[in-house]
Amino acid sequence: MGGIPVHTVLIANTCVNGCVISNIHVACGKFSSVLLIDPTKFKRLEYNDCLVNGGRPLANGAVISFKYVNSFRYDLSVSKVVCD
């Protein structure tokens, strides 16, 4: 991407009880990407709040992955999740 780093993000449901999780929100600062990210996978709602998988359930063992392009690497961390 023209010398701009490409970063890969993996978000996995590793719930030890085998639960399904949903409404996964990630603390993401001013997240942005030169490369368009499928908003059903990862979408910035507002400053420091990004939604994973459109809020839909993520089965136990399932993984959502996407790539973003930015000279800055974001330290993404789960800020809120619902265990179903």
PDB file of N, CA and C in Angstrom:
ATOM      1  N   MET A   1       0.834  -1.189   0.000  1.00  0.00           N
ATOM      2  CA  MET A   1       0.000   0.000   0.000  1.00  0.00           C
ATOM      3  C   MET A   1       0.876   1.250   0.000  1.00  0.00           C
ATOM      4  N   GLY A   2       1.748   1.341  -0.928  1.00  0.00           N
ATOM      5  CA  GLY A   2       2.546   2.545  -1.076  1.00  0.00           C
ATOM      6  C   GLY A   2       3.450   2.852   0.101  1.00  0.00           C
ATOM      7  N   GLY A   3       3.942   1.822   0.771  1.00  0.00           N
ATOM      8  CA  GLY A   3       4.851   2.024   1.890  1.00  0.00           C
ATOM      9  C   GLY A   3       4.164   2.213   3.228  1.00  0.00           C
ATOM     10  N   ILE A   4       2.841   2.281   3.243  1.00  0.00           N
ATOM     11  CA  ILE A   4       2.108   2.398   4.507  1.00  0.00           C
ATOM     12  C   ILE A   4       1.894   0.983   5.041  1.00  0.00           C
ATOM     13  N   PRO A   5       2.184   0.754   6.328  1.00  0.00           N
ATOM     14  CA  PRO A   5       2.054  -0.595   6.881  1.00  0.00           C
ATOM     15  C   PRO A   5       0.626  -1.142   6.826  1.00  0.00           C
ATOM     16  N   VAL A   6       0.542  -2.445   6.578  1.00  0.00           N
ATOM     17  CA  VAL A   6      -0.731  -3.173   6.614  1.00  0.00           C
ATOM     18  C   VAL A   6      -0.742  -3.988   7.904  1.00  0.00           C
ATOM     19  N   HIS A   7      -1.784  -3.822   8.691  1.00  0.00           N
ATOM     20  CA  HIS A   7      -1.916  -4.516   9.972  1.00  0.00           C
ATOM     21  C   HIS A   7      -3.072  -5.506   9.884  1.00  0.00           C
ATOM     22  N   THR A   8      -2.892  -6.683  10.454  1.00  0.00           N
ATOM     23  CA  THR A   8      -3.941  -7.700  10.494  1.00  0.00           C
ATOM     24  C   THR A   8      -4.478  -7.799  11.910  1.00  0.00           C
ATOM     25  N   VAL A   9      -5.802  -7.804  12.032  1.00  0.00           N
ATOM     26  CA  VAL A   9      -6.467  -7.913  13.331  1.00  0.00           C
ATOM     27  C   VAL A   9      -7.266  -9.209  13.355  1.00  0.00           C
ATOM     28  N   LEU A  10      -7.125  -9.952  14.437  1.00  0.00           N
ATOM     29  CA  LEU A  10      -7.915 -11.155  14.673  1.00  0.00           C
ATOM     30  C   LEU A  10      -8.667 -10.964  15.981  1.00  0.00           C
ATOM     31  N   ILE A  11      -9.967 -11.146  15.942  1.00  0.00           N
ATOM     32  CA  ILE A  11     -10.789 -11.069  17.145  1.00  0.00           C
ATOM     33  C   ILE A  11     -11.454 -12.429  17.283  1.00  0.00           C
ATOM     34  N   ALA A  12     -11.131 -13.135  18.371  1.00  0.00           N
ATOM     35  CA  ALA A  12     -11.595 -14.514  18.545  1.00  0.00           C
ATOM     36  C   ALA A  12     -12.435 -14.658  19.803  1.00  0.00           C
ATOM     37  N   ASN A  13     -13.420 -15.525  19.727  1.00  0.00           N
ATOM     38  CA  ASN A  13     -14.196 -15.889  20.908  1.00  0.00           C
ATOM     39  C   ASN A  13     -13.513 -17.097  21.533  1.00  0.00           C
ATOM     40  N   THR A  14     -12.825 -16.858  22.632  1.00  0.00           N
ATOM     41  CA  THR A  14     -12.112 -17.925  23.333  1.00  0.00           C
ATOM     42  C   THR A  14     -12.742 -18.196  24.695  1.00  0.00           C
ATOM     43  N   CYS A  15     -14.035 -17.969  24.809  1.00  0.00           N
ATOM     44  CA  CYS A  15     -14.772 -18.181  26.056  1.00  0.00           C
ATOM     45  C   CYS A  15     -14.547 -19.610  26.552  1.00  0.00           C
ATOM     46  N   VAL A  16     -14.042 -19.747  27.773  1.00  0.00           N
ATOM     47  CA  VAL A  16     -13.718 -21.072  28.308  1.00  0.00           C
ATOM     48  C   VAL A  16     -14.965 -21.897  28.615  1.00  0.00           C
ATOM     49  N   ASN A  17     -16.121 -21.244  28.766  1.00  0.00           N
ATOM     50  CA  ASN A  17     -17.373 -21.959  29.055  1.00  0.00           C
ATOM     51  C   ASN A  17     -18.114 -22.359  27.786  1.00  0.00           C
ATOM     52  N   GLY A  18     -17.540 -22.073  26.625  1.00  0.00           N
ATOM     53  CA  GLY A  18     -18.183 -22.419  25.363  1.00  0.00           C
ATOM     54  C   GLY A  18     -19.322 -21.489  24.992  1.00  0.00           C
ATOM     55  N   CYS A  19     -19.345 -20.303  25.580  1.00  0.00           N
ATOM     56  CA  CYS A  19     -20.458 -19.377  25.355  1.00  0.00           C
ATOM     57  C   CYS A  19     -20.328 -18.636  24.021  1.00  0.00           C
ATOM     58  N   VAL A  20     -21.445 -18.112  23.597  1.00  0.00           N
ATOM     59  CA  VAL A  20     -21.508 -17.233  22.433  1.00  0.00           C
ATOM     60  C   VAL A  20     -21.428 -15.811  22.965  1.00  0.00           C
ATOM     61  N   ILE A  21     -20.707 -14.936  22.281  1.00  0.00           N
ATOM     62  CA  ILE A  21     -20.623 -13.536  22.704  1.00  0.00           C
ATOM     63  C   ILE A  21     -21.211 -12.644  21.616  1.00  0.00           C
ATOM     64  N   SER A  22     -21.714 -11.494  22.035  1.00  0.00           N
ATOM     65  CA  SER A  22     -22.305 -10.557  21.076  1.00  0.00           C
ATOM     66  C   SER A  22     -22.086  -9.132  21.565  1.00  0.00           C
ATOM     67  N   ASN A  23     -22.510  -8.179  20.752  1.00  0.00           N
ATOM     68  CA  ASN A  23     -22.336  -6.754  21.072  1.00  0.00           C
ATOM     69  C   ASN A  23     -20.917  -6.464  21.559  1.00  0.00           C
ATOM     70  N   ILE A  24     -19.947  -6.916  20.781  1.00  0.00           N
ATOM     71  CA  ILE A  24     -18.534  -6.746  21.128  1.00  0.00           C
ATOM     72  C   ILE A  24     -18.108  -5.336  20.740  1.00  0.00           C
ATOM     73  N   HIS A  25     -17.716  -4.561  21.739  1.00  0.00           N
ATOM     74  CA  HIS A  25     -17.218  -3.210  21.515  1.00  0.00           C
ATOM     75  C   HIS A  25     -15.731  -3.188  21.845  1.00  0.00           C
ATOM     76  N   VAL A  26     -14.978  -2.452  21.051  1.00  0.00           N
ATOM     77  CA  VAL A  26     -13.528  -2.369  21.196  1.00  0.00           C
ATOM     78  C   VAL A  26     -13.130  -0.916  21.400  1.00  0.00           C
ATOM     79  N   ALA A  27     -12.260  -0.682  22.386  1.00  0.00           N
ATOM     80  CA  ALA A  27     -11.660   0.638  22.559  1.00  0.00           C
ATOM     81  C   ALA A  27     -10.670   0.813  21.415  1.00  0.00           C
ATOM     82  N   CYS A  28     -10.919   1.822  20.568  1.00  0.00           N
ATOM     83  CA  CYS A  28     -10.150   1.919  19.322  1.00  0.00           C
ATOM     84  C   CYS A  28      -9.621   3.323  19.032  1.00  0.00           C
ATOM     85  N   GLY A  29      -9.707   4.231  20.007  1.00  0.00           N
ATOM     86  CA  GLY A  29      -9.182   5.578  19.803  1.00  0.00           C
ATOM     87  C   GLY A  29      -9.769   6.247  18.578  1.00  0.00           C
ATOM     88  N   LYS A  30      -8.905   6.866  17.783  1.00  0.00           N
ATOM     89  CA  LYS A  30      -9.321   7.558  16.547  1.00  0.00           C
ATOM     90  C   LYS A  30      -9.127   6.645  15.339  1.00  0.00           C
ATOM     91  N   PHE A  31      -9.474   5.381  15.477  1.00  0.00           N
ATOM     92  CA  PHE A  31      -9.212   4.378  14.451  1.00  0.00           C
ATOM     93  C   PHE A  31      -9.608   4.863  13.058  1.00  0.00           C
ATOM     94  N   SER A  32      -8.702   4.636  12.116  1.00  0.00           N
ATOM     95  CA  SER A  32      -8.978   4.911  10.702  1.00  0.00           C
ATOM     96  C   SER A  32      -8.069   4.020   9.862  1.00  0.00           C
ATOM     97  N   SER A  33      -8.459   3.848   8.607  1.00  0.00           N
ATOM     98  CA  SER A  33      -7.692   3.008   7.703  1.00  0.00           C
ATOM     99  C   SER A  33      -7.761   3.574   6.295  1.00  0.00           C
ATOM    100  N   VAL A  34      -6.635   3.504   5.587  1.00  0.00           N
ATOM    101  CA  VAL A  34      -6.606   3.880   4.180  1.00  0.00           C
ATOM    102  C   VAL A  34      -7.413   2.858   3.378  1.00  0.00           C
ATOM    103  N   LEU A  35      -7.357   1.597   3.803  1.00  0.00           N
ATOM    104  CA  LEU A  35      -8.074   0.494   3.168  1.00  0.00           C
ATOM    105  C   LEU A  35      -9.478   0.402   3.763  1.00  0.00           C
ATOM    106  N   LEU A  36     -10.487   0.310   2.912  1.00  0.00           N
ATOM    107  CA  LEU A  36     -11.864   0.182   3.380  1.00  0.00           C
ATOM    108  C   LEU A  36     -12.044  -1.151   4.100  1.00  0.00           C
ATOM    109  N   ILE A  37     -12.641  -1.097   5.294  1.00  0.00           N
ATOM    110  CA  ILE A  37     -12.923  -2.296   6.082  1.00  0.00           C
ATOM    111  C   ILE A  37     -14.416  -2.568   5.995  1.00  0.00           C
ATOM    112  N   ASP A  38     -14.777  -3.816   5.790  1.00  0.00           N
ATOM    113  CA  ASP A  38     -16.183  -4.213   5.752  1.00  0.00           C
ATOM    114  C   ASP A  38     -16.835  -3.798   7.075  1.00  0.00           C
ATOM    115  N   PRO A  39     -17.798  -2.874   7.048  1.00  0.00           N
ATOM    116  CA  PRO A  39     -18.394  -2.383   8.296  1.00  0.00           C
ATOM    117  C   PRO A  39     -19.195  -3.438   9.052  1.00  0.00           C
ATOM    118  N   THR A  40     -19.521  -4.554   8.405  1.00  0.00           N
ATOM    119  CA  THR A  40     -20.190  -5.624   9.146  1.00  0.00           C
ATOM    120  C   THR A  40     -19.195  -6.397  10.005  1.00  0.00           C
ATOM    121  N   LYS A  41     -17.892  -6.234   9.722  1.00  0.00           N
ATOM    122  CA  LYS A  41     -16.853  -6.867  10.534  1.00  0.00           C
ATOM    123  C   LYS A  41     -16.360  -5.936  11.635  1.00  0.00           C
ATOM    124  N   PHE A  42     -16.113  -4.667  11.281  1.00  0.00           N
ATOM    125  CA  PHE A  42     -15.528  -3.723  12.233  1.00  0.00           C
ATOM    126  C   PHE A  42     -15.906  -2.318  11.810  1.00  0.00           C
ATOM    127  N   LYS A  43     -16.532  -1.583  12.718  1.00  0.00           N
ATOM    128  CA  LYS A  43     -17.005  -0.240  12.380  1.00  0.00           C
ATOM    129  C   LYS A  43     -16.793   0.701  13.558  1.00  0.00           C
ATOM    130  N   ARG A  44     -16.166   1.830  13.268  1.00  0.00           N
ATOM    131  CA  ARG A  44     -16.006   2.852  14.307  1.00  0.00           C
ATOM    132  C   ARG A  44     -17.327   3.595  14.456  1.00  0.00           C
ATOM    133  N   LEU A  45     -17.885   3.562  15.667  1.00  0.00           N
ATOM    134  CA  LEU A  45     -19.143   4.243  15.948  1.00  0.00           C
ATOM    135  C   LEU A  45     -18.903   5.685  16.373  1.00  0.00           C
ATOM    136  N   GLU A  46     -17.878   5.869  17.184  1.00  0.00           N
ATOM    137  CA  GLU A  46     -17.472   7.195  17.661  1.00  0.00           C
ATOM    138  C   GLU A  46     -16.068   7.054  18.221  1.00  0.00           C
ATOM    139  N   TYR A  47     -15.514   8.151  18.715  1.00  0.00           N
ATOM    140  CA  TYR A  47     -14.167   8.100  19.276  1.00  0.00           C
ATOM    141  C   TYR A  47     -14.091   6.999  20.339  1.00  0.00           C
ATOM    142  N   ASN A  48     -13.123   6.125  20.188  1.00  0.00           N
ATOM    143  CA  ASN A  48     -12.806   5.059  21.135  1.00  0.00           C
ATOM    144  C   ASN A  48     -13.914   4.014  21.303  1.00  0.00           C
ATOM    145  N   ASP A  49     -14.783   3.883  20.314  1.00  0.00           N
ATOM    146  CA  ASP A  49     -15.826   2.854  20.364  1.00  0.00           C
ATOM    147  C   ASP A  49     -16.048   2.271  18.974  1.00  0.00           C
ATOM    148  N   CYS A  50     -15.573   1.041  18.786  1.00  0.00           N
ATOM    149  CA  CYS A  50     -15.764   0.325  17.525  1.00  0.00           C
ATOM    150  C   CYS A  50     -16.579  -0.927  17.795  1.00  0.00           C
ATOM    151  N   LEU A  51     -17.446  -1.274  16.852  1.00  0.00           N
ATOM    152  CA  LEU A  51     -18.331  -2.428  16.976  1.00  0.00           C
ATOM    153  C   LEU A  51     -17.833  -3.561  16.081  1.00  0.00           C
ATOM    154  N   VAL A  52     -17.790  -4.758  16.640  1.00  0.00           N
ATOM    155  CA  VAL A  52     -17.321  -5.951  15.932  1.00  0.00           C
ATOM    156  C   VAL A  52     -18.520  -6.772  15.456  1.00  0.00           C
ATOM    157  N   ASN A  53     -18.451  -7.275  14.234  1.00  0.00           N
ATOM    158  CA  ASN A  53     -19.443  -8.195  13.682  1.00  0.00           C
ATOM    159  C   ASN A  53     -20.857  -7.600  13.679  1.00  0.00           C
ATOM    160  N   GLY A  54     -20.940  -6.289  13.587  1.00  0.00           N
ATOM    161  CA  GLY A  54     -22.246  -5.637  13.554  1.00  0.00           C
ATOM    162  C   GLY A  54     -23.068  -5.873  14.807  1.00  0.00           C
ATOM    163  N   GLY A  55     -22.413  -6.267  15.902  1.00  0.00           N
ATOM    164  CA  GLY A  55     -23.108  -6.554  17.152  1.00  0.00           C
ATOM    165  C   GLY A  55     -23.696  -7.957  17.210  1.00  0.00           C
ATOM    166  N   ARG A  56     -23.622  -8.666  16.095  1.00  0.00           N
ATOM    167  CA  ARG A  56     -24.194 -10.012  16.029  1.00  0.00           C
ATOM    168  C   ARG A  56     -23.354 -11.008  16.845  1.00  0.00           C
ATOM    169  N   PRO A  57     -23.970 -12.150  17.200  1.00  0.00           N
ATOM    170  CA  PRO A  57     -23.253 -13.161  17.985  1.00  0.00           C
ATOM    171  C   PRO A  57     -22.023 -13.712  17.259  1.00  0.00           C
ATOM    172  N   LEU A  58     -21.016 -14.020  18.052  1.00  0.00           N
ATOM    173  CA  LEU A  58     -19.794 -14.663  17.565  1.00  0.00           C
ATOM    174  C   LEU A  58     -19.690 -15.994  18.309  1.00  0.00           C
ATOM    175  N   ALA A  59     -19.820 -17.081  17.586  1.00  0.00           N
ATOM    176  CA  ALA A  59     -19.830 -18.418  18.190  1.00  0.00           C
ATOM    177  C   ALA A  59     -18.503 -18.727  18.868  1.00  0.00           C
ATOM    178  N   ASN A  60     -18.554 -19.646  19.818  1.00  0.00           N
ATOM    179  CA  ASN A  60     -17.345 -20.077  20.499  1.00  0.00           C
ATOM    180  C   ASN A  60     -16.364 -20.638  19.478  1.00  0.00           C
ATOM    181  N   GLY A  61     -15.130 -20.185  19.531  1.00  0.00           N
ATOM    182  CA  GLY A  61     -14.090 -20.630  18.606  1.00  0.00           C
ATOM    183  C   GLY A  61     -14.050 -19.861  17.294  1.00  0.00           C
ATOM    184  N   ALA A  62     -15.051 -19.019  17.051  1.00  0.00           N
ATOM    185  CA  ALA A  62     -15.092 -18.248  15.801  1.00  0.00           C
ATOM    186  C   ALA A  62     -14.105 -17.083  15.852  1.00  0.00           C
ATOM    187  N   VAL A  63     -13.661 -16.671  14.677  1.00  0.00           N
ATOM    188  CA  VAL A  63     -12.690 -15.581  14.554  1.00  0.00           C
ATOM    189  C   VAL A  63     -13.169 -14.605  13.488  1.00  0.00           C
ATOM    190  N   ILE A  64     -13.085 -13.325  13.804  1.00  0.00           N
ATOM    191  CA  ILE A  64     -13.306 -12.253  12.830  1.00  0.00           C
ATOM    192  C   ILE A  64     -11.924 -11.695  12.512  1.00  0.00           C
ATOM    193  N   SER A  65     -11.619 -11.519  11.234  1.00  0.00           N
ATOM    194  CA  SER A  65     -10.321 -10.942  10.881  1.00  0.00           C
ATOM    195  C   SER A  65     -10.502  -9.875   9.813  1.00  0.00           C
ATOM    196  N   PHE A  66      -9.623  -8.901   9.866  1.00  0.00           N
ATOM    197  CA  PHE A  66      -9.603  -7.855   8.854  1.00  0.00           C
ATOM    198  C   PHE A  66      -8.224  -7.221   8.851  1.00  0.00           C
ATOM    199  N   LYS A  67      -7.944  -6.489   7.792  1.00  0.00           N
ATOM    200  CA  LYS A  67      -6.681  -5.757   7.669  1.00  0.00           C
ATOM    201  C   LYS A  67      -6.986  -4.271   7.615  1.00  0.00           C
ATOM    202  N   TYR A  68      -6.104  -3.488   8.202  1.00  0.00           N
ATOM    203  CA  TYR A  68      -6.213  -2.041   8.055  1.00  0.00           C
ATOM    204  C   TYR A  68      -4.855  -1.480   7.673  1.00  0.00           C
ATOM    205  N   VAL A  69      -4.888  -0.348   7.004  1.00  0.00           N
ATOM    206  CA  VAL A  69      -3.673   0.296   6.519  1.00  0.00           C
ATOM    207  C   VAL A  69      -3.566   1.667   7.170  1.00  0.00           C
ATOM    208  N   ASN A  70      -2.499   1.845   7.943  1.00  0.00           N
ATOM    209  CA  ASN A  70      -2.262   3.109   8.627  1.00  0.00           C
ATOM    210  C   ASN A  70      -0.818   3.100   9.101  1.00  0.00           C
ATOM    211  N   SER A  71      -0.175   4.236   9.107  1.00  0.00           N
ATOM    212  CA  SER A  71       1.197   4.292   9.601  1.00  0.00           C
ATOM    213  C   SER A  71       1.235   4.103  11.114  1.00  0.00           C
ATOM    214  N   PHE A  72       0.081   4.239  11.752  1.00  0.00           N
ATOM    215  CA  PHE A  72      -0.040   4.088  13.197  1.00  0.00           C
ATOM    216  C   PHE A  72      -0.667   2.732  13.516  1.00  0.00           C
ATOM    217  N   ARG A  73      -0.080   2.005  14.476  1.00  0.00           N
ATOM    218  CA  ARG A  73      -0.665   0.737  14.921  1.00  0.00           C
ATOM    219  C   ARG A  73      -1.549   1.023  16.126  1.00  0.00           C
ATOM    220  N   TYR A  74      -2.798   0.628  16.030  1.00  0.00           N
ATOM    221  CA  TYR A  74      -3.745   0.858  17.121  1.00  0.00           C
ATOM    222  C   TYR A  74      -3.702  -0.296  18.113  1.00  0.00           C
ATOM    223  N   ASP A  75      -3.686   0.039  19.404  1.00  0.00           N
ATOM    224  CA  ASP A  75      -3.796  -0.967  20.457  1.00  0.00           C
ATOM    225  C   ASP A  75      -5.277  -1.153  20.742  1.00  0.00           C
ATOM    226  N   LEU A  76      -5.863  -2.156  20.125  1.00  0.00           N
ATOM    227  CA  LEU A  76      -7.292  -2.413  20.253  1.00  0.00           C
ATOM    228  C   LEU A  76      -7.531  -3.355  21.426  1.00  0.00           C
ATOM    229  N   SER A  77      -8.540  -3.045  22.236  1.00  0.00           N
ATOM    230  CA  SER A  77      -8.887  -3.929  23.351  1.00  0.00           C
ATOM    231  C   SER A  77     -10.395  -3.932  23.548  1.00  0.00           C
ATOM    232  N   VAL A  78     -10.918  -5.082  23.938  1.00  0.00           N
ATOM    233  CA  VAL A  78     -12.359  -5.212  24.159  1.00  0.00           C
ATOM    234  C   VAL A  78     -12.754  -4.339  25.345  1.00  0.00           C
ATOM    235  N   SER A  79     -13.777  -3.516  25.141  1.00  0.00           N
ATOM    236  CA  SER A  79     -14.256  -2.640  26.213  1.00  0.00           C
ATOM    237  C   SER A  79     -15.602  -3.096  26.766  1.00  0.00           C
ATOM    238  N   LYS A  80     -16.358  -3.845  25.946  1.00  0.00           N
ATOM    239  CA  LYS A  80     -17.669  -4.317  26.388  1.00  0.00           C
ATOM    240  C   LYS A  80     -18.059  -5.519  25.543  1.00  0.00           C
ATOM    241  N   VAL A  81     -18.681  -6.495  26.190  1.00  0.00           N
ATOM    242  CA  VAL A  81     -19.147  -7.690  25.477  1.00  0.00           C
ATOM    243  C   VAL A  81     -20.303  -8.299  26.266  1.00  0.00           C
ATOM    244  N   VAL A  82     -21.222  -8.920  25.560  1.00  0.00           N
ATOM    245  CA  VAL A  82     -22.335  -9.625  26.198  1.00  0.00           C
ATOM    246  C   VAL A  82     -22.108 -11.117  26.006  1.00  0.00           C
ATOM    247  N   CYS A  83     -22.126 -11.866  27.106  1.00  0.00           N
ATOM    248  CA  CYS A  83     -21.995 -13.325  27.037  1.00  0.00           C
ATOM    249  C   CYS A  83     -23.389 -13.926  27.019  1.00  0.00           C
ATOM    250  N   ASP A  84     -23.698 -14.635  25.939  1.00  0.00           N
ATOM    251  CA  ASP A  84     -25.028 -15.251  25.799  1.00  0.00           C
ATOM    252  C   ASP A  84     -25.000 -16.696  26.264  1.00  0.00           C
TER     253      ASP A  84
END
